[in-house]
């Protein structure tokens, strides 16, 4: 199983549907998508800054925002499986995890603005038998073979908390919109994986 974190900035990307359709080729890898919140989460942050709300409650609403993106994906592709239960990831579907209910009561998930959907993906990776996690960003990366996590965090590309949830696992990869071109080729997943940039912890 692989976790694929699709950044919330993809919400308005005109190639989003293409990306999801191309991922269908790898259903046998039991891919689980974690969606970002993008402009929807930004709205929650604006509300948090203007009304009396705890950071914990804001974190829960931001997680709900990521689930809105998940439902938007379902509108684009009916073959997706949306579930809040990790035990109900299907082998013959691209799965999307709905995290809000599980993480709301989780004692080991820090409910602050530093735990974004990047952390959600890392938490899921750290608590399942996933082989790795791929962060799919909208920005063009320099296509280096390796990135340091702190470098990506200092640039605001990945959040500050995600390392807390890995539980010793370290197969983290990252790629930009060039993923669509790679998916368009007839690579096996193992070859495709070798073309992703590695994140060094």
N, C-alpha and C. Protein backbone atom coordinates (compact mmCIF):
# COMPACT_ATOMS: atom_id res chain seq x y z
N UNK A 1 0.84 -1.19 0.00
CA UNK A 1 0.00 0.00 0.00
C UNK A 1 0.88 1.25 0.00
N UNK A 2 0.47 2.25 -0.78
CA UNK A 2 1.17 3.53 -0.81
C UNK A 2 0.20 4.64 -0.44
N UNK A 3 0.68 5.60 0.35
CA UNK A 3 -0.10 6.80 0.66
C UNK A 3 0.31 7.88 -0.33
N UNK A 4 -0.66 8.49 -0.97
CA UNK A 4 -0.41 9.59 -1.91
C UNK A 4 -1.12 10.83 -1.37
N UNK A 5 -0.34 11.79 -0.91
CA UNK A 5 -0.90 13.03 -0.38
C UNK A 5 -0.99 14.05 -1.51
N UNK A 6 -2.20 14.43 -1.87
CA UNK A 6 -2.42 15.43 -2.92
C UNK A 6 -2.69 16.78 -2.27
N UNK A 7 -1.78 17.71 -2.50
CA UNK A 7 -1.89 19.02 -1.87
C UNK A 7 -3.18 19.74 -2.22
N UNK A 8 -3.66 20.53 -1.27
CA UNK A 8 -4.91 21.25 -1.47
C UNK A 8 -4.88 22.25 -2.62
N UNK A 9 -3.68 22.67 -3.01
CA UNK A 9 -3.58 23.59 -4.15
C UNK A 9 -4.05 22.96 -5.45
N UNK A 10 -4.15 21.63 -5.47
CA UNK A 10 -4.65 20.94 -6.66
C UNK A 10 -6.16 21.11 -6.85
N UNK A 11 -6.84 21.64 -5.86
CA UNK A 11 -8.30 21.81 -5.96
C UNK A 11 -8.67 22.58 -7.23
N UNK A 12 -7.89 23.61 -7.55
CA UNK A 12 -8.21 24.46 -8.70
C UNK A 12 -7.32 24.15 -9.91
N UNK A 13 -6.56 23.07 -9.84
CA UNK A 13 -5.68 22.72 -10.95
C UNK A 13 -6.49 22.07 -12.07
N UNK A 14 -6.44 22.60 -13.30
CA UNK A 14 -7.25 22.04 -14.39
C UNK A 14 -6.87 20.60 -14.76
N UNK A 15 -5.71 20.14 -14.29
CA UNK A 15 -5.28 18.78 -14.60
C UNK A 15 -5.57 17.79 -13.47
N UNK A 16 -6.36 18.24 -12.50
CA UNK A 16 -6.67 17.37 -11.35
C UNK A 16 -7.35 16.08 -11.79
N UNK A 17 -8.36 16.18 -12.63
CA UNK A 17 -9.09 15.00 -13.07
C UNK A 17 -8.16 14.04 -13.82
N UNK A 18 -7.27 14.59 -14.61
CA UNK A 18 -6.29 13.76 -15.33
C UNK A 18 -5.41 13.00 -14.35
N UNK A 19 -4.96 13.69 -13.31
CA UNK A 19 -4.12 13.05 -12.30
C UNK A 19 -4.83 11.87 -11.66
N UNK A 20 -6.08 12.06 -11.26
CA UNK A 20 -6.82 10.99 -10.60
C UNK A 20 -7.07 9.82 -11.55
N UNK A 21 -7.42 10.13 -12.77
CA UNK A 21 -7.68 9.06 -13.74
C UNK A 21 -6.42 8.25 -14.03
N UNK A 22 -5.27 8.92 -14.10
CA UNK A 22 -4.02 8.21 -14.36
C UNK A 22 -3.62 7.32 -13.17
N UNK A 23 -3.93 7.75 -11.98
CA UNK A 23 -3.61 6.93 -10.80
C UNK A 23 -4.37 5.61 -10.79
N UNK A 24 -5.49 5.58 -11.53
CA UNK A 24 -6.30 4.37 -11.58
C UNK A 24 -5.51 3.17 -12.11
N UNK A 25 -4.46 3.43 -12.86
CA UNK A 25 -3.67 2.34 -13.41
C UNK A 25 -2.99 1.51 -12.32
N UNK A 26 -2.92 2.08 -11.12
CA UNK A 26 -2.16 1.43 -10.06
C UNK A 26 -3.05 0.98 -8.90
N UNK A 27 -4.28 0.62 -9.21
CA UNK A 27 -5.19 0.18 -8.15
C UNK A 27 -4.65 -1.05 -7.42
N UNK A 28 -3.87 -1.87 -8.09
CA UNK A 28 -3.35 -3.08 -7.44
C UNK A 28 -2.31 -2.75 -6.37
N UNK A 29 -1.80 -1.52 -6.38
CA UNK A 29 -0.87 -1.10 -5.33
C UNK A 29 -1.60 -0.68 -4.07
N UNK A 30 -2.93 -0.71 -4.12
CA UNK A 30 -3.77 -0.30 -2.99
C UNK A 30 -3.39 1.11 -2.53
N UNK A 31 -3.52 2.05 -3.45
CA UNK A 31 -3.20 3.45 -3.16
C UNK A 31 -4.28 4.08 -2.27
N UNK A 32 -3.81 4.81 -1.26
CA UNK A 32 -4.72 5.57 -0.40
C UNK A 32 -4.35 7.04 -0.51
N UNK A 33 -5.29 7.84 -0.96
CA UNK A 33 -5.07 9.28 -1.11
C UNK A 33 -5.45 10.01 0.17
N UNK A 34 -4.60 10.94 0.56
CA UNK A 34 -4.93 11.91 1.61
C UNK A 34 -4.99 13.27 0.93
N UNK A 35 -6.11 13.95 1.06
CA UNK A 35 -6.31 15.23 0.38
C UNK A 35 -5.98 16.40 1.29
N UNK A 36 -5.46 17.47 0.68
CA UNK A 36 -5.25 18.71 1.41
C UNK A 36 -6.52 19.53 1.46
N UNK A 37 -6.45 20.66 2.13
CA UNK A 37 -7.65 21.50 2.27
C UNK A 37 -7.63 22.74 1.39
N UNK A 38 -6.43 23.20 1.02
CA UNK A 38 -6.31 24.34 0.12
C UNK A 38 -7.10 25.56 0.55
N UNK A 39 -7.81 26.16 -0.41
CA UNK A 39 -8.54 27.39 -0.13
C UNK A 39 -9.67 27.17 0.88
N UNK A 40 -10.14 25.93 1.00
CA UNK A 40 -11.20 25.63 1.97
C UNK A 40 -10.64 25.73 3.38
N UNK A 41 -9.46 25.13 3.60
CA UNK A 41 -8.80 25.25 4.90
C UNK A 41 -8.41 26.69 5.19
N UNK A 42 -8.02 27.43 4.16
CA UNK A 42 -7.67 28.84 4.35
C UNK A 42 -8.87 29.62 4.90
N UNK A 43 -10.06 29.26 4.47
CA UNK A 43 -11.27 29.91 4.98
C UNK A 43 -11.46 29.63 6.47
N UNK A 44 -11.17 28.39 6.87
CA UNK A 44 -11.26 28.03 8.28
C UNK A 44 -10.25 28.85 9.09
N UNK A 45 -9.06 29.02 8.56
CA UNK A 45 -8.04 29.82 9.25
C UNK A 45 -8.51 31.27 9.40
N UNK A 46 -9.14 31.81 8.37
CA UNK A 46 -9.67 33.18 8.46
C UNK A 46 -10.74 33.29 9.55
N UNK A 47 -11.60 32.27 9.62
CA UNK A 47 -12.63 32.27 10.66
C UNK A 47 -12.00 32.20 12.04
N UNK A 48 -10.99 31.34 12.17
CA UNK A 48 -10.27 31.18 13.45
C UNK A 48 -9.68 32.51 13.90
N UNK A 49 -9.20 33.29 12.96
CA UNK A 49 -8.56 34.56 13.30
C UNK A 49 -9.55 35.67 13.63
N UNK A 50 -10.84 35.43 13.40
CA UNK A 50 -11.82 36.50 13.61
C UNK A 50 -12.84 36.19 14.70
N UNK A 51 -12.99 34.92 15.09
CA UNK A 51 -13.94 34.59 16.14
C UNK A 51 -13.25 33.79 17.24
N UNK A 52 -13.91 33.66 18.37
CA UNK A 52 -13.36 32.94 19.51
C UNK A 52 -13.48 31.43 19.28
N UNK A 53 -12.39 30.80 18.92
CA UNK A 53 -12.38 29.37 18.63
C UNK A 53 -11.05 28.79 19.09
N UNK A 54 -11.09 27.62 19.70
CA UNK A 54 -9.84 26.98 20.11
C UNK A 54 -9.11 26.45 18.88
N UNK A 55 -7.77 26.31 19.00
CA UNK A 55 -6.98 25.78 17.90
C UNK A 55 -7.36 24.32 17.63
N UNK A 56 -7.75 23.60 18.67
CA UNK A 56 -8.17 22.21 18.50
C UNK A 56 -9.43 22.12 17.65
N UNK A 57 -10.40 22.98 17.92
CA UNK A 57 -11.62 22.99 17.12
C UNK A 57 -11.35 23.42 15.69
N UNK A 58 -10.45 24.38 15.53
CA UNK A 58 -10.09 24.83 14.19
C UNK A 58 -9.41 23.71 13.41
N UNK A 59 -8.57 22.93 14.10
CA UNK A 59 -7.90 21.81 13.45
C UNK A 59 -8.93 20.79 12.94
N UNK A 60 -9.95 20.53 13.75
CA UNK A 60 -11.00 19.58 13.34
C UNK A 60 -11.73 20.09 12.11
N UNK A 61 -12.06 21.38 12.09
CA UNK A 61 -12.76 21.95 10.94
C UNK A 61 -11.87 21.95 9.70
N UNK A 62 -10.58 22.16 9.90
CA UNK A 62 -9.64 22.11 8.76
C UNK A 62 -9.57 20.70 8.20
N UNK A 63 -9.64 19.69 9.08
CA UNK A 63 -9.68 18.30 8.61
C UNK A 63 -10.96 18.05 7.81
N UNK A 64 -12.04 18.63 8.26
CA UNK A 64 -13.29 18.53 7.50
C UNK A 64 -13.15 19.17 6.13
N UNK A 65 -12.37 20.25 6.07
CA UNK A 65 -12.13 20.92 4.78
C UNK A 65 -11.42 19.98 3.81
N UNK A 66 -10.48 19.18 4.32
CA UNK A 66 -9.80 18.23 3.43
C UNK A 66 -10.79 17.20 2.88
N UNK A 67 -11.80 16.90 3.66
CA UNK A 67 -12.80 15.91 3.22
C UNK A 67 -13.71 16.48 2.14
N UNK A 68 -13.91 17.78 2.14
CA UNK A 68 -14.66 18.41 1.05
C UNK A 68 -13.92 18.18 -0.26
N UNK A 69 -12.60 18.34 -0.24
CA UNK A 69 -11.79 18.06 -1.43
C UNK A 69 -11.97 16.60 -1.85
N UNK A 70 -11.99 15.70 -0.88
CA UNK A 70 -12.18 14.28 -1.20
C UNK A 70 -13.50 14.05 -1.92
N UNK A 71 -14.55 14.70 -1.47
CA UNK A 71 -15.86 14.54 -2.11
C UNK A 71 -15.88 15.19 -3.50
N UNK A 72 -15.12 16.26 -3.68
CA UNK A 72 -15.00 16.85 -5.01
C UNK A 72 -14.35 15.86 -5.98
N UNK A 73 -13.36 15.11 -5.48
CA UNK A 73 -12.72 14.10 -6.32
C UNK A 73 -13.70 13.01 -6.71
N UNK A 74 -14.57 12.65 -5.79
CA UNK A 74 -15.56 11.62 -6.09
C UNK A 74 -16.52 12.08 -7.18
N UNK A 75 -16.80 13.38 -7.22
CA UNK A 75 -17.64 13.92 -8.29
C UNK A 75 -16.96 13.76 -9.65
N UNK A 76 -15.62 13.81 -9.65
CA UNK A 76 -14.87 13.69 -10.90
C UNK A 76 -14.64 12.24 -11.30
N UNK A 77 -14.64 11.34 -10.32
CA UNK A 77 -14.36 9.93 -10.61
C UNK A 77 -15.13 9.05 -9.64
N UNK A 78 -16.17 8.40 -10.13
CA UNK A 78 -17.05 7.60 -9.30
C UNK A 78 -16.42 6.29 -8.84
N UNK A 79 -15.25 5.96 -9.36
CA UNK A 79 -14.60 4.71 -8.99
C UNK A 79 -13.79 4.80 -7.71
N UNK A 80 -13.76 5.97 -7.11
CA UNK A 80 -13.01 6.15 -5.87
C UNK A 80 -13.78 5.59 -4.69
N UNK A 81 -13.04 5.16 -3.67
CA UNK A 81 -13.64 4.67 -2.44
C UNK A 81 -13.29 5.62 -1.30
N UNK A 82 -14.29 6.33 -0.78
CA UNK A 82 -14.08 7.23 0.34
C UNK A 82 -14.46 6.51 1.63
N UNK A 83 -13.55 6.53 2.61
CA UNK A 83 -13.85 5.86 3.87
C UNK A 83 -13.11 6.52 5.02
N UNK A 84 -13.72 6.50 6.18
CA UNK A 84 -13.07 6.99 7.40
C UNK A 84 -12.47 5.85 8.21
N UNK A 85 -12.67 4.62 7.74
CA UNK A 85 -12.21 3.41 8.44
C UNK A 85 -11.01 2.81 7.71
N UNK A 86 -9.87 2.79 8.38
CA UNK A 86 -8.66 2.25 7.77
C UNK A 86 -8.81 0.78 7.39
N UNK A 87 -9.73 0.08 8.03
CA UNK A 87 -9.93 -1.33 7.75
C UNK A 87 -10.76 -1.56 6.48
N UNK A 88 -11.26 -0.47 5.91
CA UNK A 88 -12.13 -0.59 4.74
C UNK A 88 -11.48 -0.02 3.48
N UNK A 89 -10.15 -0.03 3.44
CA UNK A 89 -9.46 0.30 2.21
C UNK A 89 -9.58 -0.88 1.26
N UNK A 90 -10.10 -0.64 0.07
CA UNK A 90 -10.37 -1.71 -0.88
C UNK A 90 -9.19 -1.94 -1.82
N UNK A 91 -8.96 -3.18 -2.18
CA UNK A 91 -7.84 -3.53 -3.05
C UNK A 91 -8.07 -3.14 -4.51
N UNK A 92 -9.30 -3.10 -4.93
CA UNK A 92 -9.60 -2.84 -6.35
C UNK A 92 -10.09 -1.41 -6.60
N UNK A 93 -9.79 -0.51 -5.66
CA UNK A 93 -10.20 0.88 -5.79
C UNK A 93 -9.04 1.79 -5.38
N UNK A 94 -9.06 3.02 -5.90
CA UNK A 94 -8.23 4.06 -5.32
C UNK A 94 -8.99 4.59 -4.11
N UNK A 95 -8.38 4.48 -2.95
CA UNK A 95 -9.04 4.85 -1.70
C UNK A 95 -8.71 6.29 -1.31
N UNK A 96 -9.66 6.98 -0.70
CA UNK A 96 -9.41 8.28 -0.10
C UNK A 96 -9.83 8.21 1.36
N UNK A 97 -8.89 8.55 2.24
CA UNK A 97 -9.18 8.47 3.67
C UNK A 97 -9.79 9.77 4.16
N UNK A 98 -10.89 9.66 4.92
CA UNK A 98 -11.55 10.80 5.55
C UNK A 98 -11.12 10.80 7.02
N UNK A 99 -10.23 11.71 7.43
CA UNK A 99 -9.54 11.56 8.71
C UNK A 99 -10.17 12.21 9.93
N UNK A 100 -11.16 13.08 9.74
CA UNK A 100 -11.57 13.96 10.84
C UNK A 100 -12.06 13.23 12.08
N UNK A 101 -12.90 12.23 11.91
CA UNK A 101 -13.48 11.55 13.08
C UNK A 101 -12.42 10.77 13.85
N UNK A 102 -11.53 10.10 13.13
CA UNK A 102 -10.48 9.31 13.79
C UNK A 102 -9.49 10.21 14.51
N UNK A 103 -9.04 11.27 13.85
CA UNK A 103 -8.01 12.11 14.45
C UNK A 103 -8.56 13.04 15.52
N UNK A 104 -9.86 13.29 15.49
CA UNK A 104 -10.47 14.11 16.54
C UNK A 104 -10.28 13.49 17.91
N UNK A 105 -10.32 12.17 17.98
CA UNK A 105 -10.21 11.47 19.27
C UNK A 105 -8.83 10.85 19.48
N UNK A 106 -7.94 10.99 18.51
CA UNK A 106 -6.61 10.40 18.63
C UNK A 106 -5.77 11.21 19.62
N UNK A 107 -5.16 10.52 20.57
CA UNK A 107 -4.34 11.20 21.58
C UNK A 107 -2.93 11.49 21.07
N UNK A 108 -2.53 10.84 19.98
CA UNK A 108 -1.16 11.04 19.49
C UNK A 108 -1.10 11.92 18.25
N UNK A 109 -2.21 12.63 17.95
CA UNK A 109 -2.20 13.58 16.84
C UNK A 109 -2.37 14.98 17.41
N UNK A 110 -1.35 15.81 17.23
CA UNK A 110 -1.34 17.16 17.78
C UNK A 110 -2.29 18.05 17.00
N UNK A 111 -3.27 18.60 17.69
CA UNK A 111 -4.34 19.34 17.02
C UNK A 111 -4.05 20.84 17.01
N UNK A 112 -3.06 21.20 16.17
CA UNK A 112 -2.67 22.59 16.02
C UNK A 112 -2.53 22.89 14.53
N UNK A 113 -2.27 24.15 14.21
CA UNK A 113 -2.10 24.54 12.82
C UNK A 113 -0.82 23.96 12.22
N UNK A 114 0.09 23.49 13.07
CA UNK A 114 1.31 22.87 12.56
C UNK A 114 1.07 21.45 12.06
N UNK A 115 -0.08 20.87 12.38
CA UNK A 115 -0.44 19.54 11.88
C UNK A 115 -1.43 19.71 10.74
N UNK A 116 -0.91 19.87 9.55
CA UNK A 116 -1.74 20.04 8.37
C UNK A 116 -2.02 18.66 7.76
N UNK A 117 -2.53 18.67 6.55
CA UNK A 117 -2.79 17.40 5.87
C UNK A 117 -1.51 16.63 5.58
N UNK A 118 -0.36 17.31 5.55
CA UNK A 118 0.92 16.59 5.46
C UNK A 118 1.08 15.68 6.67
N UNK A 119 0.77 16.21 7.83
CA UNK A 119 0.85 15.41 9.05
C UNK A 119 -0.19 14.30 9.06
N UNK A 120 -1.36 14.58 8.51
CA UNK A 120 -2.40 13.54 8.40
C UNK A 120 -1.87 12.36 7.60
N UNK A 121 -1.23 12.65 6.48
CA UNK A 121 -0.67 11.59 5.65
C UNK A 121 0.43 10.83 6.39
N UNK A 122 1.26 11.56 7.12
CA UNK A 122 2.33 10.92 7.88
C UNK A 122 1.78 10.05 9.00
N UNK A 123 0.74 10.53 9.65
CA UNK A 123 0.10 9.74 10.72
C UNK A 123 -0.44 8.43 10.15
N UNK A 124 -1.10 8.51 9.01
CA UNK A 124 -1.65 7.31 8.39
C UNK A 124 -0.52 6.36 7.98
N UNK A 125 0.53 6.91 7.43
CA UNK A 125 1.70 6.12 7.04
C UNK A 125 2.30 5.40 8.26
N UNK A 126 2.40 6.13 9.36
CA UNK A 126 3.01 5.57 10.56
C UNK A 126 2.16 4.56 11.29
N UNK A 127 0.87 4.50 10.97
CA UNK A 127 -0.03 3.59 11.68
C UNK A 127 -0.58 2.47 10.79
N UNK A 128 -0.02 2.33 9.60
CA UNK A 128 -0.45 1.27 8.69
C UNK A 128 0.79 0.55 8.14
N UNK A 129 0.55 -0.49 7.36
CA UNK A 129 1.65 -1.23 6.76
C UNK A 129 2.02 -0.66 5.38
N UNK A 130 1.91 0.65 5.24
CA UNK A 130 2.20 1.30 3.96
C UNK A 130 3.69 1.18 3.62
N UNK A 131 3.96 1.02 2.32
CA UNK A 131 5.35 0.94 1.85
C UNK A 131 6.02 2.30 1.83
N UNK A 132 5.25 3.34 1.57
CA UNK A 132 5.83 4.67 1.48
C UNK A 132 4.76 5.72 1.35
N UNK A 133 5.21 6.97 1.33
CA UNK A 133 4.29 8.08 1.20
C UNK A 133 4.84 9.04 0.13
N UNK A 134 3.97 9.48 -0.76
CA UNK A 134 4.34 10.40 -1.83
C UNK A 134 3.56 11.70 -1.66
N UNK A 135 4.29 12.81 -1.48
CA UNK A 135 3.67 14.12 -1.39
C UNK A 135 3.62 14.72 -2.80
N UNK A 136 2.41 14.99 -3.29
CA UNK A 136 2.22 15.55 -4.63
C UNK A 136 1.87 17.02 -4.49
N UNK A 137 2.82 17.87 -4.90
CA UNK A 137 2.65 19.30 -4.77
C UNK A 137 2.33 19.93 -6.13
N UNK A 138 1.81 21.15 -6.10
CA UNK A 138 1.49 21.85 -7.36
C UNK A 138 2.67 22.63 -7.90
N UNK A 139 3.60 22.99 -7.03
CA UNK A 139 4.72 23.81 -7.48
C UNK A 139 5.76 22.96 -8.19
N UNK A 140 6.44 23.60 -9.12
CA UNK A 140 7.52 22.93 -9.84
C UNK A 140 8.73 22.80 -8.92
N UNK A 141 9.14 21.58 -8.66
CA UNK A 141 10.35 21.36 -7.88
C UNK A 141 11.54 21.35 -8.83
N UNK A 142 12.74 21.39 -8.28
CA UNK A 142 13.93 21.45 -9.13
C UNK A 142 14.35 20.07 -9.62
N UNK A 143 13.55 19.06 -9.30
CA UNK A 143 13.80 17.69 -9.73
C UNK A 143 15.13 17.14 -9.20
N UNK A 144 15.52 17.59 -8.03
CA UNK A 144 16.67 16.99 -7.39
C UNK A 144 16.31 15.57 -6.96
N UNK A 145 17.29 14.71 -6.86
CA UNK A 145 17.03 13.34 -6.42
C UNK A 145 16.74 13.27 -4.94
N UNK A 146 17.27 14.25 -4.18
CA UNK A 146 17.10 14.24 -2.73
C UNK A 146 16.81 15.65 -2.22
N UNK A 147 15.92 15.71 -1.23
CA UNK A 147 15.64 16.94 -0.52
C UNK A 147 15.76 16.67 0.97
N UNK A 148 16.26 17.64 1.72
CA UNK A 148 16.23 17.53 3.17
C UNK A 148 14.87 18.01 3.67
N UNK A 149 14.33 17.29 4.65
CA UNK A 149 13.01 17.66 5.19
C UNK A 149 13.02 19.09 5.70
N UNK A 150 14.07 19.47 6.43
CA UNK A 150 14.12 20.83 6.99
C UNK A 150 14.11 21.89 5.89
N UNK A 151 14.74 21.59 4.76
CA UNK A 151 14.73 22.52 3.64
C UNK A 151 13.31 22.75 3.13
N UNK A 152 12.56 21.65 2.99
CA UNK A 152 11.18 21.75 2.52
C UNK A 152 10.28 22.44 3.54
N UNK A 153 10.55 22.18 4.83
CA UNK A 153 9.76 22.83 5.88
C UNK A 153 10.05 24.33 5.93
N UNK A 154 11.32 24.71 5.81
CA UNK A 154 11.68 26.13 5.86
C UNK A 154 11.09 26.91 4.70
N UNK A 155 10.85 26.23 3.58
CA UNK A 155 10.24 26.88 2.42
C UNK A 155 8.71 26.82 2.46
N UNK A 156 8.15 26.22 3.52
CA UNK A 156 6.70 26.12 3.64
C UNK A 156 6.08 25.10 2.72
N UNK A 157 6.89 24.18 2.20
CA UNK A 157 6.37 23.17 1.28
C UNK A 157 5.77 21.99 2.04
N UNK A 158 6.35 21.67 3.19
CA UNK A 158 5.81 20.63 4.08
C UNK A 158 5.66 21.20 5.48
N UNK A 159 4.75 20.62 6.26
CA UNK A 159 4.49 21.20 7.58
C UNK A 159 5.55 20.79 8.62
N UNK A 160 5.48 21.44 9.77
CA UNK A 160 6.51 21.29 10.81
C UNK A 160 6.34 20.03 11.66
N UNK A 161 5.17 19.43 11.65
CA UNK A 161 4.91 18.33 12.57
C UNK A 161 5.00 16.94 11.98
N UNK A 162 5.09 16.82 10.68
CA UNK A 162 4.90 15.50 10.06
C UNK A 162 5.88 14.44 10.56
N UNK A 163 7.08 14.84 10.94
CA UNK A 163 8.08 13.86 11.41
C UNK A 163 7.65 13.18 12.70
N UNK A 164 6.79 13.86 13.48
CA UNK A 164 6.34 13.32 14.77
C UNK A 164 5.53 12.05 14.62
N UNK A 165 4.96 11.84 13.45
CA UNK A 165 3.98 10.76 13.28
C UNK A 165 4.51 9.57 12.48
N UNK A 166 5.77 9.60 12.10
CA UNK A 166 6.30 8.57 11.20
C UNK A 166 6.60 7.24 11.90
N UNK A 167 6.83 7.30 13.21
CA UNK A 167 7.10 6.10 14.01
C UNK A 167 8.26 5.28 13.44
N UNK A 168 9.31 5.99 13.07
CA UNK A 168 10.52 5.32 12.60
C UNK A 168 10.54 4.99 11.12
N UNK A 169 9.45 5.17 10.42
CA UNK A 169 9.41 4.89 8.98
C UNK A 169 10.01 6.06 8.21
N UNK A 170 10.64 5.79 7.09
CA UNK A 170 11.37 6.88 6.43
C UNK A 170 11.33 6.87 4.91
N UNK A 171 10.36 6.15 4.32
CA UNK A 171 10.28 6.12 2.86
C UNK A 171 9.34 7.23 2.38
N UNK A 172 9.87 8.46 2.38
CA UNK A 172 9.10 9.64 1.99
C UNK A 172 9.60 10.15 0.64
N UNK A 173 8.67 10.42 -0.27
CA UNK A 173 9.00 10.93 -1.59
C UNK A 173 8.18 12.19 -1.86
N UNK A 174 8.64 12.98 -2.83
CA UNK A 174 7.91 14.19 -3.19
C UNK A 174 8.07 14.44 -4.69
N UNK A 175 7.04 15.03 -5.28
CA UNK A 175 7.06 15.35 -6.71
C UNK A 175 6.07 16.48 -6.99
N UNK A 176 6.28 17.17 -8.09
CA UNK A 176 5.39 18.24 -8.50
C UNK A 176 4.45 17.80 -9.61
N UNK A 177 3.92 18.74 -10.38
CA UNK A 177 2.95 18.41 -11.44
C UNK A 177 3.52 17.55 -12.56
N UNK A 178 4.86 17.39 -12.60
CA UNK A 178 5.45 16.50 -13.59
C UNK A 178 5.04 15.05 -13.39
N UNK A 179 4.40 14.79 -12.24
CA UNK A 179 3.88 13.44 -11.99
C UNK A 179 2.93 13.00 -13.11
N UNK A 180 2.16 13.93 -13.65
CA UNK A 180 1.20 13.58 -14.71
C UNK A 180 1.93 13.02 -15.93
N UNK A 181 3.04 13.64 -16.30
CA UNK A 181 3.81 13.13 -17.44
C UNK A 181 4.36 11.74 -17.16
N UNK A 182 4.83 11.53 -15.93
CA UNK A 182 5.36 10.21 -15.58
C UNK A 182 4.27 9.14 -15.60
N UNK A 183 3.09 9.50 -15.07
CA UNK A 183 1.98 8.55 -15.05
C UNK A 183 1.49 8.22 -16.45
N UNK A 184 1.71 9.14 -17.38
CA UNK A 184 1.26 8.92 -18.76
C UNK A 184 2.10 7.87 -19.48
N UNK A 185 3.27 7.60 -18.95
CA UNK A 185 4.13 6.57 -19.54
C UNK A 185 3.75 5.21 -18.97
N UNK A 186 4.17 4.17 -19.62
CA UNK A 186 3.78 2.82 -19.18
C UNK A 186 4.77 2.22 -18.20
N UNK A 187 5.16 3.01 -17.21
CA UNK A 187 6.07 2.52 -16.18
C UNK A 187 5.34 1.63 -15.19
N UNK A 188 6.02 0.61 -14.73
CA UNK A 188 5.54 -0.11 -13.55
C UNK A 188 5.75 0.81 -12.34
N UNK A 189 5.00 0.55 -11.27
CA UNK A 189 5.08 1.43 -10.09
C UNK A 189 6.51 1.49 -9.54
N UNK A 190 7.20 0.36 -9.54
CA UNK A 190 8.55 0.32 -8.99
C UNK A 190 9.51 1.24 -9.77
N UNK A 191 9.34 1.32 -11.08
CA UNK A 191 10.14 2.23 -11.90
C UNK A 191 9.72 3.66 -11.63
N UNK A 192 8.43 3.86 -11.55
CA UNK A 192 7.89 5.19 -11.28
C UNK A 192 8.43 5.73 -9.96
N UNK A 193 8.41 4.87 -8.96
CA UNK A 193 8.87 5.27 -7.62
C UNK A 193 10.32 5.76 -7.65
N UNK A 194 11.15 5.13 -8.48
CA UNK A 194 12.56 5.52 -8.55
C UNK A 194 12.76 6.90 -9.13
N UNK A 195 11.73 7.44 -9.78
CA UNK A 195 11.82 8.76 -10.39
C UNK A 195 11.31 9.87 -9.47
N UNK A 196 10.74 9.50 -8.33
CA UNK A 196 10.32 10.49 -7.34
C UNK A 196 11.55 10.97 -6.56
N UNK A 197 11.50 12.20 -6.06
CA UNK A 197 12.59 12.71 -5.23
C UNK A 197 12.44 12.20 -3.81
N UNK A 198 13.55 11.78 -3.21
CA UNK A 198 13.53 11.26 -1.86
C UNK A 198 13.65 12.39 -0.85
N UNK A 199 12.94 12.27 0.27
CA UNK A 199 13.03 13.25 1.36
C UNK A 199 13.90 12.63 2.46
N UNK A 200 15.01 13.29 2.77
CA UNK A 200 15.90 12.83 3.84
C UNK A 200 15.49 13.46 5.15
N UNK A 201 15.29 12.64 6.16
CA UNK A 201 14.83 13.13 7.47
C UNK A 201 16.00 13.68 8.29
